[in-house]
């Protein structure tokens, strides 16, 4: 068996307890906060990895698609920034 073929999840350090405080009985907001924390920790991705086996080709395709989405998202935000800068320049030159 190749080294690194399977990730050993038990070798990871134990995570600290995650806490979410509910203010004014607003459970919906607390749930959103919890989901955001879990997403940032990578719990959902780890859970997805544990549920089903992914072939190398499948993993490669998913990573390529994710990279494409990141590229397009960054490109879109750059274009927005350029448009905003252009507007600012126009207003700055008029004064």
C-alpha atoms as a PDB file:
ATOM      1  CA  UNK A   1       0.000   0.000   0.000  1.00  0.00           C
ATOM      2  CA  UNK A   2       1.297   3.455  -0.889  1.00  0.00           C
ATOM      3  CA  UNK A   3       2.234   5.797   1.894  1.00  0.00           C
ATOM      4  CA  UNK A   4      -0.382   8.515   2.300  1.00  0.00           C
ATOM      5  CA  UNK A   5      -2.947   6.417   0.469  1.00  0.00           C
ATOM      6  CA  UNK A   6      -5.456   6.777   3.306  1.00  0.00           C
ATOM      7  CA  UNK A   7      -5.529   9.660   5.693  1.00  0.00           C
ATOM      8  CA  UNK A   8      -5.575   8.571   9.292  1.00  0.00           C
ATOM      9  CA  UNK A   9      -8.098  10.806  11.003  1.00  0.00           C
ATOM     10  CA  UNK A  10      -7.225   9.466  14.442  1.00  0.00           C
ATOM     11  CA  UNK A  11      -3.723  10.961  14.304  1.00  0.00           C
ATOM     12  CA  UNK A  12      -5.088  14.489  14.325  1.00  0.00           C
ATOM     13  CA  UNK A  13      -5.073  16.537  17.479  1.00  0.00           C
ATOM     14  CA  UNK A  14      -8.391  16.674  19.326  1.00  0.00           C
ATOM     15  CA  UNK A  15     -10.372  19.826  18.630  1.00  0.00           C
ATOM     16  CA  UNK A  16     -11.400  22.200  21.354  1.00  0.00           C
ATOM     17  CA  UNK A  17     -15.075  22.382  22.248  1.00  0.00           C
ATOM     18  CA  UNK A  18     -16.923  24.787  19.996  1.00  0.00           C
ATOM     19  CA  UNK A  19     -19.293  27.180  21.739  1.00  0.00           C
ATOM     20  CA  UNK A  20     -22.048  29.345  20.325  1.00  0.00           C
ATOM     21  CA  UNK A  21     -23.909  31.755  22.584  1.00  0.00           C
ATOM     22  CA  UNK A  22     -27.631  32.339  21.991  1.00  0.00           C
ATOM     23  CA  UNK A  23     -28.684  35.938  22.628  1.00  0.00           C
ATOM     24  CA  UNK A  24     -32.349  36.934  23.092  1.00  0.00           C
ATOM     25  CA  UNK A  25     -33.575  33.440  22.128  1.00  0.00           C
ATOM     26  CA  UNK A  26     -32.376  34.015  18.555  1.00  0.00           C
ATOM     27  CA  UNK A  27     -31.606  30.405  17.724  1.00  0.00           C
ATOM     28  CA  UNK A  28     -31.530  31.023  13.959  1.00  0.00           C
ATOM     29  CA  UNK A  29     -28.636  33.461  14.293  1.00  0.00           C
ATOM     30  CA  UNK A  30     -26.798  31.091  16.632  1.00  0.00           C
ATOM     31  CA  UNK A  31     -27.272  28.260  14.129  1.00  0.00           C
ATOM     32  CA  UNK A  32     -25.845  30.416  11.318  1.00  0.00           C
ATOM     33  CA  UNK A  33     -22.870  31.248  13.526  1.00  0.00           C
ATOM     34  CA  UNK A  34     -22.335  27.558  14.314  1.00  0.00           C
ATOM     35  CA  UNK A  35     -22.499  26.601  10.632  1.00  0.00           C
ATOM     36  CA  UNK A  36     -19.981  29.323   9.772  1.00  0.00           C
ATOM     37  CA  UNK A  37     -17.584  28.066  12.466  1.00  0.00           C
ATOM     38  CA  UNK A  38     -17.950  24.461  11.303  1.00  0.00           C
ATOM     39  CA  UNK A  39     -17.334  25.524   7.701  1.00  0.00           C
ATOM     40  CA  UNK A  40     -14.175  27.430   8.664  1.00  0.00           C
ATOM     41  CA  UNK A  41     -12.891  24.432  10.649  1.00  0.00           C
ATOM     42  CA  UNK A  42     -13.416  22.162   7.651  1.00  0.00           C
ATOM     43  CA  UNK A  43     -15.753  19.775   9.456  1.00  0.00           C
ATOM     44  CA  UNK A  44     -18.127  19.469   6.498  1.00  0.00           C
ATOM     45  CA  UNK A  45     -15.300  18.624   4.100  1.00  0.00           C
ATOM     46  CA  UNK A  46     -13.921  16.006   6.483  1.00  0.00           C
ATOM     47  CA  UNK A  47     -17.382  14.496   6.891  1.00  0.00           C
ATOM     48  CA  UNK A  48     -17.791  14.323   3.118  1.00  0.00           C
ATOM     49  CA  UNK A  49     -14.403  12.584   2.829  1.00  0.00           C
ATOM     50  CA  UNK A  50     -15.363  10.010   5.438  1.00  0.00           C
ATOM     51  CA  UNK A  51     -18.768   9.162   3.961  1.00  0.00           C
ATOM     52  CA  UNK A  52     -17.663   7.928   0.545  1.00  0.00           C
ATOM     53  CA  UNK A  53     -14.463   6.939  -1.183  1.00  0.00           C
ATOM     54  CA  UNK A  54     -13.269   9.229  -3.976  1.00  0.00           C
ATOM     55  CA  UNK A  55     -11.150   7.961  -6.823  1.00  0.00           C
ATOM     56  CA  UNK A  56      -8.086   9.940  -7.854  1.00  0.00           C
ATOM     57  CA  UNK A  57      -9.801  11.054 -11.067  1.00  0.00           C
ATOM     58  CA  UNK A  58     -12.895  12.191  -9.210  1.00  0.00           C
ATOM     59  CA  UNK A  59     -10.807  14.122  -6.682  1.00  0.00           C
ATOM     60  CA  UNK A  60      -8.832  15.728  -9.534  1.00  0.00           C
ATOM     61  CA  UNK A  61     -12.030  16.764 -11.354  1.00  0.00           C
ATOM     62  CA  UNK A  62     -13.517  18.277  -8.191  1.00  0.00           C
ATOM     63  CA  UNK A  63     -10.315  20.184  -7.383  1.00  0.00           C
ATOM     64  CA  UNK A  64     -10.154  21.505 -10.947  1.00  0.00           C
ATOM     65  CA  UNK A  65     -13.786  22.663 -10.776  1.00  0.00           C
ATOM     66  CA  UNK A  66     -13.166  24.322  -7.403  1.00  0.00           C
ATOM     67  CA  UNK A  67     -10.135  26.136  -8.823  1.00  0.00           C
ATOM     68  CA  UNK A  68     -12.193  27.307 -11.780  1.00  0.00           C
ATOM     69  CA  UNK A  69     -14.885  28.660  -9.419  1.00  0.00           C
ATOM     70  CA  UNK A  70     -12.238  30.446  -7.313  1.00  0.00           C
ATOM     71  CA  UNK A  71     -10.680  31.968 -10.424  1.00  0.00           C
ATOM     72  CA  UNK A  72     -14.013  33.217 -11.754  1.00  0.00           C
ATOM     73  CA  UNK A  73     -15.042  34.594  -8.347  1.00  0.00           C
ATOM     74  CA  UNK A  74     -11.720  36.440  -7.946  1.00  0.00           C
ATOM     75  CA  UNK A  75     -11.907  37.717 -11.508  1.00  0.00           C
ATOM     76  CA  UNK A  76     -15.436  39.020 -10.930  1.00  0.00           C
ATOM     77  CA  UNK A  77     -14.377  40.847  -7.743  1.00  0.00           C
ATOM     78  CA  UNK A  78     -11.375  42.368  -9.567  1.00  0.00           C
ATOM     79  CA  UNK A  79     -13.657  43.690 -12.302  1.00  0.00           C
ATOM     80  CA  UNK A  80     -15.970  45.208  -9.675  1.00  0.00           C
ATOM     81  CA  UNK A  81     -12.972  46.849  -8.025  1.00  0.00           C
ATOM     82  CA  UNK A  82     -11.763  48.253 -11.358  1.00  0.00           C
ATOM     83  CA  UNK A  83     -15.213  49.705 -12.096  1.00  0.00           C
ATOM     84  CA  UNK A  84     -15.323  51.265  -8.629  1.00  0.00           C
ATOM     85  CA  UNK A  85     -11.839  52.722  -9.101  1.00  0.00           C
ATOM     86  CA  UNK A  86     -12.846  54.129 -12.501  1.00  0.00           C
ATOM     87  CA  UNK A  87     -15.881  55.839 -10.967  1.00  0.00           C
ATOM     88  CA  UNK A  88     -13.709  57.253  -8.210  1.00  0.00           C
ATOM     89  CA  UNK A  89     -11.180  58.589 -10.735  1.00  0.00           C
ATOM     90  CA  UNK A  90     -13.901  60.287 -12.754  1.00  0.00           C
ATOM     91  CA  UNK A  91     -15.317  62.017  -9.690  1.00  0.00           C
ATOM     92  CA  UNK A  92     -11.853  62.922  -8.456  1.00  0.00           C
ATOM     93  CA  UNK A  93     -10.883  64.513 -11.795  1.00  0.00           C
ATOM     94  CA  UNK A  94     -14.077  66.611 -11.926  1.00  0.00           C
ATOM     95  CA  UNK A  95     -13.235  68.448  -8.711  1.00  0.00           C
END
